[in-house]
């Protein structure tokens, strides 16, 4: 009687299978995120518009330079300027060459046509004394509410010249046309919507 060595055959198959397995490949490290630790904080200046018109602008002031593109809800562009914008809310997106993105919300206000003219005069003439945090004579005109609440003082000083005309020398005086724009706004009700 012939004996079969089943155990030996089984052991041979197990050893062969165990020896024929290869060691698994080391895990692939995750790709490096080029935006890790990168912060893009968009900063822009805004020009508001007259309600119903598209006079608004957004100008990116930071970050700027080669490799950046900018968008406000559309196709990205290399220019930092956006023109002909209506009143409304915009999301400014800035993307660098590594596709890292930063966003900020911007509102372009819609003013009444008379107030728009007065606000433009104030922004052009009252700069170093009454804008960008400066307070001269107890007045700052950074916010629209400050302008509206100071309507009487603006008219008395800029249009009537009591006790003296504003802006003072060495700044250029207001033209007769600009003075009339202030008077027209005051007479219309001196509101943002006028």
C-alpha atoms as a PDB file:
ATOM      1  CA  UNK A   1       0.000   0.000   0.000  1.00  0.00           C
ATOM      2  CA  UNK A   2       1.330   3.248  -1.069  1.00  0.00           C
ATOM      3  CA  UNK A   3       1.089   6.169   1.320  1.00  0.00           C
ATOM      4  CA  UNK A   4       0.507   9.598   0.076  1.00  0.00           C
ATOM      5  CA  UNK A   5       2.027  12.415   1.952  1.00  0.00           C
ATOM      6  CA  UNK A   6      -0.845  14.894   1.838  1.00  0.00           C
ATOM      7  CA  UNK A   7       0.576  16.957   4.650  1.00  0.00           C
ATOM      8  CA  UNK A   8       3.880  17.446   2.787  1.00  0.00           C
ATOM      9  CA  UNK A   9       2.132  18.470  -0.390  1.00  0.00           C
ATOM     10  CA  UNK A  10      -0.011  20.954   1.531  1.00  0.00           C
ATOM     11  CA  UNK A  11       3.008  22.414   3.312  1.00  0.00           C
ATOM     12  CA  UNK A  12       4.820  22.806  -0.004  1.00  0.00           C
ATOM     13  CA  UNK A  13       1.891  24.738  -1.518  1.00  0.00           C
ATOM     14  CA  UNK A  14       1.617  26.990   1.537  1.00  0.00           C
ATOM     15  CA  UNK A  15       5.346  27.703   1.591  1.00  0.00           C
ATOM     16  CA  UNK A  16       5.371  28.362  -2.148  1.00  0.00           C
ATOM     17  CA  UNK A  17       2.420  30.756  -1.851  1.00  0.00           C
ATOM     18  CA  UNK A  18       3.952  32.533   1.111  1.00  0.00           C
ATOM     19  CA  UNK A  19       7.293  32.948  -0.611  1.00  0.00           C
ATOM     20  CA  UNK A  20       5.813  34.068  -3.904  1.00  0.00           C
ATOM     21  CA  UNK A  21       3.998  37.049  -2.372  1.00  0.00           C
ATOM     22  CA  UNK A  22       5.813  40.328  -2.840  1.00  0.00           C
ATOM     23  CA  UNK A  23       5.965  43.008  -0.191  1.00  0.00           C
ATOM     24  CA  UNK A  24       3.411  45.743  -0.793  1.00  0.00           C
ATOM     25  CA  UNK A  25       4.731  49.005  -2.245  1.00  0.00           C
ATOM     26  CA  UNK A  26       5.174  51.794   0.285  1.00  0.00           C
ATOM     27  CA  UNK A  27       2.198  54.161   0.377  1.00  0.00           C
ATOM     28  CA  UNK A  28       2.399  57.162  -1.949  1.00  0.00           C
ATOM     29  CA  UNK A  29       2.592  60.381   0.035  1.00  0.00           C
ATOM     30  CA  UNK A  30      -0.272  62.776  -0.590  1.00  0.00           C
ATOM     31  CA  UNK A  31       0.486  65.558  -3.051  1.00  0.00           C
ATOM     32  CA  UNK A  32       1.791  68.804  -1.563  1.00  0.00           C
ATOM     33  CA  UNK A  33      -0.883  71.497  -1.438  1.00  0.00           C
ATOM     34  CA  UNK A  34       0.671  74.613  -3.037  1.00  0.00           C
ATOM     35  CA  UNK A  35      -1.816  76.769  -1.158  1.00  0.00           C
ATOM     36  CA  UNK A  36      -0.999  75.444   2.312  1.00  0.00           C
ATOM     37  CA  UNK A  37      -0.003  78.418   4.408  1.00  0.00           C
ATOM     38  CA  UNK A  38      -0.862  80.906   1.630  1.00  0.00           C
ATOM     39  CA  UNK A  39      -3.323  83.658   2.502  1.00  0.00           C
ATOM     40  CA  UNK A  40      -4.646  85.977  -0.180  1.00  0.00           C
ATOM     41  CA  UNK A  41      -6.567  88.932   1.234  1.00  0.00           C
ATOM     42  CA  UNK A  42      -8.009  91.108  -1.530  1.00  0.00           C
ATOM     43  CA  UNK A  43      -8.198  94.855  -0.905  1.00  0.00           C
ATOM     44  CA  UNK A  44      -9.917  97.263  -3.296  1.00  0.00           C
ATOM     45  CA  UNK A  45     -11.173 100.798  -3.643  1.00  0.00           C
ATOM     46  CA  UNK A  46     -14.732 101.443  -4.799  1.00  0.00           C
ATOM     47  CA  UNK A  47     -16.470 104.223  -6.673  1.00  0.00           C
ATOM     48  CA  UNK A  48     -20.212 104.208  -6.111  1.00  0.00           C
ATOM     49  CA  UNK A  49     -22.831 104.985  -8.739  1.00  0.00           C
ATOM     50  CA  UNK A  50     -26.062 106.800  -9.307  1.00  0.00           C
ATOM     51  CA  UNK A  51     -29.003 104.447  -8.868  1.00  0.00           C
ATOM     52  CA  UNK A  52     -30.018 103.035 -12.231  1.00  0.00           C
ATOM     53  CA  UNK A  53     -26.688 103.828 -13.914  1.00  0.00           C
ATOM     54  CA  UNK A  54     -23.452 101.883 -14.284  1.00  0.00           C
ATOM     55  CA  UNK A  55     -20.819 104.352 -13.060  1.00  0.00           C
ATOM     56  CA  UNK A  56     -19.379 102.132 -10.340  1.00  0.00           C
ATOM     57  CA  UNK A  57     -15.813 100.899 -10.303  1.00  0.00           C
ATOM     58  CA  UNK A  58     -13.728  98.444  -8.313  1.00  0.00           C
ATOM     59  CA  UNK A  59      -9.941  98.790  -8.339  1.00  0.00           C
ATOM     60  CA  UNK A  60      -7.845  96.088  -6.673  1.00  0.00           C
ATOM     61  CA  UNK A  61      -5.026  97.625  -4.628  1.00  0.00           C
ATOM     62  CA  UNK A  62      -3.642  94.430  -3.080  1.00  0.00           C
ATOM     63  CA  UNK A  63      -2.348  91.928  -3.980  1.00  0.00           C
ATOM     64  CA  UNK A  64      -1.240  93.076  -7.403  1.00  0.00           C
ATOM     65  CA  UNK A  65       1.472  92.058  -9.819  1.00  0.00           C
ATOM     66  CA  UNK A  66       2.560  89.366 -12.187  1.00  0.00           C
ATOM     67  CA  UNK A  67       0.851  86.017 -11.724  1.00  0.00           C
ATOM     68  CA  UNK A  68      -2.387  87.346 -10.242  1.00  0.00           C
ATOM     69  CA  UNK A  69      -5.772  87.357 -11.988  1.00  0.00           C
ATOM     70  CA  UNK A  70      -8.972  88.991 -10.790  1.00  0.00           C
ATOM     71  CA  UNK A  71     -12.689  88.426 -11.240  1.00  0.00           C
ATOM     72  CA  UNK A  72     -16.018  89.665  -9.909  1.00  0.00           C
ATOM     73  CA  UNK A  73     -18.158  86.715 -10.881  1.00  0.00           C
ATOM     74  CA  UNK A  74     -17.011  86.281 -14.442  1.00  0.00           C
ATOM     75  CA  UNK A  75     -13.937  85.377 -16.396  1.00  0.00           C
ATOM     76  CA  UNK A  76     -10.649  86.096 -14.652  1.00  0.00           C
ATOM     77  CA  UNK A  77      -8.619  88.989 -16.038  1.00  0.00           C
ATOM     78  CA  UNK A  78      -5.100  90.312 -15.435  1.00  0.00           C
ATOM     79  CA  UNK A  79      -6.396  93.904 -15.013  1.00  0.00           C
ATOM     80  CA  UNK A  80      -7.071  95.157 -11.494  1.00  0.00           C
ATOM     81  CA  UNK A  81      -9.870  97.449 -12.720  1.00  0.00           C
ATOM     82  CA  UNK A  82     -13.568  96.775 -13.175  1.00  0.00           C
ATOM     83  CA  UNK A  83     -15.645  99.522 -14.779  1.00  0.00           C
ATOM     84  CA  UNK A  84     -19.278 100.292 -15.616  1.00  0.00           C
ATOM     85  CA  UNK A  85     -20.727  98.525 -12.593  1.00  0.00           C
ATOM     86  CA  UNK A  86     -24.261  98.933 -11.323  1.00  0.00           C
ATOM     87  CA  UNK A  87     -25.143  99.272  -7.650  1.00  0.00           C
ATOM     88  CA  UNK A  88     -25.072  95.900  -5.936  1.00  0.00           C
ATOM     89  CA  UNK A  89     -23.011  93.299  -4.121  1.00  0.00           C
ATOM     90  CA  UNK A  90     -19.956  91.770  -5.749  1.00  0.00           C
ATOM     91  CA  UNK A  91     -17.536  89.010  -4.781  1.00  0.00           C
ATOM     92  CA  UNK A  92     -13.994  89.942  -5.722  1.00  0.00           C
ATOM     93  CA  UNK A  93     -11.818  86.878  -6.321  1.00  0.00           C
ATOM     94  CA  UNK A  94      -8.031  87.037  -6.573  1.00  0.00           C
ATOM     95  CA  UNK A  95      -6.082  83.984  -7.766  1.00  0.00           C
ATOM     96  CA  UNK A  96      -2.306  83.576  -7.876  1.00  0.00           C
ATOM     97  CA  UNK A  97      -0.196  81.496 -10.279  1.00  0.00           C
ATOM     98  CA  UNK A  98      -0.526  78.440  -7.999  1.00  0.00           C
ATOM     99  CA  UNK A  99      -4.340  78.701  -8.175  1.00  0.00           C
ATOM    100  CA  UNK A 100      -4.617  79.837  -4.560  1.00  0.00           C
ATOM    101  CA  UNK A 101      -7.716  81.968  -4.108  1.00  0.00           C
ATOM    102  CA  UNK A 102      -8.814  84.794  -1.837  1.00  0.00           C
ATOM    103  CA  UNK A 103     -12.200  86.513  -1.885  1.00  0.00           C
ATOM    104  CA  UNK A 104     -13.891  89.528  -0.364  1.00  0.00           C
ATOM    105  CA  UNK A 105     -17.371  91.013  -0.602  1.00  0.00           C
ATOM    106  CA  UNK A 106     -17.770  94.505  -2.018  1.00  0.00           C
ATOM    107  CA  UNK A 107     -20.861  96.695  -2.170  1.00  0.00           C
ATOM    108  CA  UNK A 108     -21.306  99.425  -4.726  1.00  0.00           C
ATOM    109  CA  UNK A 109     -23.910 101.839  -3.421  1.00  0.00           C
ATOM    110  CA  UNK A 110     -26.553 103.441  -5.583  1.00  0.00           C
ATOM    111  CA  UNK A 111     -26.931 107.137  -4.799  1.00  0.00           C
ATOM    112  CA  UNK A 112     -29.491 109.682  -5.847  1.00  0.00           C
ATOM    113  CA  UNK A 113     -28.112 111.865  -8.660  1.00  0.00           C
ATOM    114  CA  UNK A 114     -27.740 115.028  -6.538  1.00  0.00           C
ATOM    115  CA  UNK A 115     -26.082 113.200  -3.645  1.00  0.00           C
ATOM    116  CA  UNK A 116     -23.765 111.431  -6.095  1.00  0.00           C
ATOM    117  CA  UNK A 117     -22.525 114.840  -7.269  1.00  0.00           C
ATOM    118  CA  UNK A 118     -22.051 116.077  -3.694  1.00  0.00           C
ATOM    119  CA  UNK A 119     -20.231 112.883  -2.683  1.00  0.00           C
ATOM    120  CA  UNK A 120     -17.940 113.298  -5.700  1.00  0.00           C
ATOM    121  CA  UNK A 121     -17.197 116.902  -4.650  1.00  0.00           C
ATOM    122  CA  UNK A 122     -16.426 115.832  -1.083  1.00  0.00           C
ATOM    123  CA  UNK A 123     -14.163 112.994  -2.245  1.00  0.00           C
ATOM    124  CA  UNK A 124     -12.316 115.378  -4.563  1.00  0.00           C
ATOM    125  CA  UNK A 125     -11.906 118.427  -2.329  1.00  0.00           C
ATOM    126  CA  UNK A 126     -12.118 117.355   1.312  1.00  0.00           C
ATOM    127  CA  UNK A 127      -9.472 114.616   1.303  1.00  0.00           C
ATOM    128  CA  UNK A 128      -6.727 115.237   3.836  1.00  0.00           C
ATOM    129  CA  UNK A 129      -8.890 117.125   6.326  1.00  0.00           C
ATOM    130  CA  UNK A 130     -12.150 115.155   6.446  1.00  0.00           C
ATOM    131  CA  UNK A 131     -11.589 111.731   4.826  1.00  0.00           C
ATOM    132  CA  UNK A 132      -9.711 108.494   5.548  1.00  0.00           C
ATOM    133  CA  UNK A 133     -10.127 108.857   9.290  1.00  0.00           C
ATOM    134  CA  UNK A 134      -9.103 112.529   9.435  1.00  0.00           C
ATOM    135  CA  UNK A 135     -11.227 114.785  11.614  1.00  0.00           C
ATOM    136  CA  UNK A 136     -10.957 118.516  11.155  1.00  0.00           C
ATOM    137  CA  UNK A 137     -13.342 120.894  12.907  1.00  0.00           C
ATOM    138  CA  UNK A 138     -14.980 117.843  14.483  1.00  0.00           C
ATOM    139  CA  UNK A 139     -16.099 116.490  11.084  1.00  0.00           C
ATOM    140  CA  UNK A 140     -15.196 113.338   9.183  1.00  0.00           C
ATOM    141  CA  UNK A 141     -16.983 112.442   5.938  1.00  0.00           C
ATOM    142  CA  UNK A 142     -15.901 108.831   5.447  1.00  0.00           C
ATOM    143  CA  UNK A 143     -19.436 107.521   5.837  1.00  0.00           C
ATOM    144  CA  UNK A 144     -22.501 108.620   3.923  1.00  0.00           C
ATOM    145  CA  UNK A 145     -24.352 109.089   7.218  1.00  0.00           C
ATOM    146  CA  UNK A 146     -21.729 111.615   8.323  1.00  0.00           C
ATOM    147  CA  UNK A 147     -22.234 113.581   5.106  1.00  0.00           C
ATOM    148  CA  UNK A 148     -26.032 113.519   5.343  1.00  0.00           C
ATOM    149  CA  UNK A 149     -25.987 114.450   9.037  1.00  0.00           C
ATOM    150  CA  UNK A 150     -23.653 117.383   8.282  1.00  0.00           C
ATOM    151  CA  UNK A 151     -25.654 118.757   5.354  1.00  0.00           C
ATOM    152  CA  UNK A 152     -26.126 122.152   6.994  1.00  0.00           C
ATOM    153  CA  UNK A 153     -22.444 122.550   7.876  1.00  0.00           C
ATOM    154  CA  UNK A 154     -21.404 121.507   4.371  1.00  0.00           C
ATOM    155  CA  UNK A 155     -23.718 124.111   2.802  1.00  0.00           C
ATOM    156  CA  UNK A 156     -22.728 126.906   5.196  1.00  0.00           C
ATOM    157  CA  UNK A 157     -18.971 126.355   4.790  1.00  0.00           C
ATOM    158  CA  UNK A 158     -18.655 125.154   1.182  1.00  0.00           C
ATOM    159  CA  UNK A 159     -21.469 127.021  -0.586  1.00  0.00           C
ATOM    160  CA  UNK A 160     -22.165 130.090   1.600  1.00  0.00           C
ATOM    161  CA  UNK A 161     -18.621 130.731   2.882  1.00  0.00           C
ATOM    162  CA  UNK A 162     -19.617 131.374   6.506  1.00  0.00           C
ATOM    163  CA  UNK A 163     -17.328 132.146   8.345  1.00  0.00           C
ATOM    164  CA  UNK A 164     -14.960 131.275   5.462  1.00  0.00           C
ATOM    165  CA  UNK A 165     -15.089 129.107   2.362  1.00  0.00           C
ATOM    166  CA  UNK A 166     -14.077 125.479   2.477  1.00  0.00           C
ATOM    167  CA  UNK A 167     -11.832 124.051   1.315  1.00  0.00           C
ATOM    168  CA  UNK A 168      -9.280 126.530   2.518  1.00  0.00           C
ATOM    169  CA  UNK A 169      -6.049 127.476   0.757  1.00  0.00           C
ATOM    170  CA  UNK A 170      -3.790 126.001  -0.415  1.00  0.00           C
ATOM    171  CA  UNK A 171      -6.558 123.717  -1.725  1.00  0.00           C
ATOM    172  CA  UNK A 172      -8.467 124.812  -4.796  1.00  0.00           C
ATOM    173  CA  UNK A 173     -11.777 126.562  -4.042  1.00  0.00           C
ATOM    174  CA  UNK A 174     -15.061 125.088  -5.210  1.00  0.00           C
ATOM    175  CA  UNK A 175     -16.352 126.315  -8.527  1.00  0.00           C
ATOM    176  CA  UNK A 176     -19.687 128.110  -8.744  1.00  0.00           C
ATOM    177  CA  UNK A 177     -21.085 124.979 -10.427  1.00  0.00           C
ATOM    178  CA  UNK A 178     -19.942 122.759  -7.534  1.00  0.00           C
ATOM    179  CA  UNK A 179     -21.404 125.157  -4.976  1.00  0.00           C
ATOM    180  CA  UNK A 180     -24.723 125.045  -6.836  1.00  0.00           C
ATOM    181  CA  UNK A 181     -24.676 121.226  -6.781  1.00  0.00           C
ATOM    182  CA  UNK A 182     -24.455 121.360  -2.974  1.00  0.00           C
ATOM    183  CA  UNK A 183     -27.305 123.907  -2.778  1.00  0.00           C
ATOM    184  CA  UNK A 184     -29.451 121.789  -5.126  1.00  0.00           C
ATOM    185  CA  UNK A 185     -28.891 118.667  -2.996  1.00  0.00           C
ATOM    186  CA  UNK A 186     -29.740 120.536   0.225  1.00  0.00           C
ATOM    187  CA  UNK A 187     -32.882 122.054  -1.306  1.00  0.00           C
ATOM    188  CA  UNK A 188     -33.996 118.629  -2.613  1.00  0.00           C
ATOM    189  CA  UNK A 189     -34.021 117.234   0.931  1.00  0.00           C
ATOM    190  CA  UNK A 190     -30.314 116.444   1.593  1.00  0.00           C
ATOM    191  CA  UNK A 191     -30.762 112.649   1.506  1.00  0.00           C
ATOM    192  CA  UNK A 192     -28.665 109.899  -0.055  1.00  0.00           C
ATOM    193  CA  UNK A 193     -31.561 109.162  -2.391  1.00  0.00           C
ATOM    194  CA  UNK A 194     -31.890 112.765  -3.680  1.00  0.00           C
END
